[in-house]
């Protein structure tokens, strides 16, 4: 993926020369859509775990797999919420 922005001298970001604002907005919308999708998947994973606990399956292999999926989703969401600086 090619960058559309660069860090300026004041520490903010600006579009690279020749990049249309519309292109940047579309890219941002893609990230926002991905974030919203991941939040929805995380909610589904939490509901699944809650249901499995209610069924007494809290120690099953399926529960462990569902828990691992939830933790993976949490990691992805956290990375989108707090991207690395640079």
Foldseek 3Di string as FASTA:
>chain_A
DDDQWDQDPVRHIDGDPPRDVVNVVVVVVVLVVVLVVLVVVLVVLVVVLVVCVVVVNCPPPVNVVSVVVNVVSVVVNVCSVDPDGD
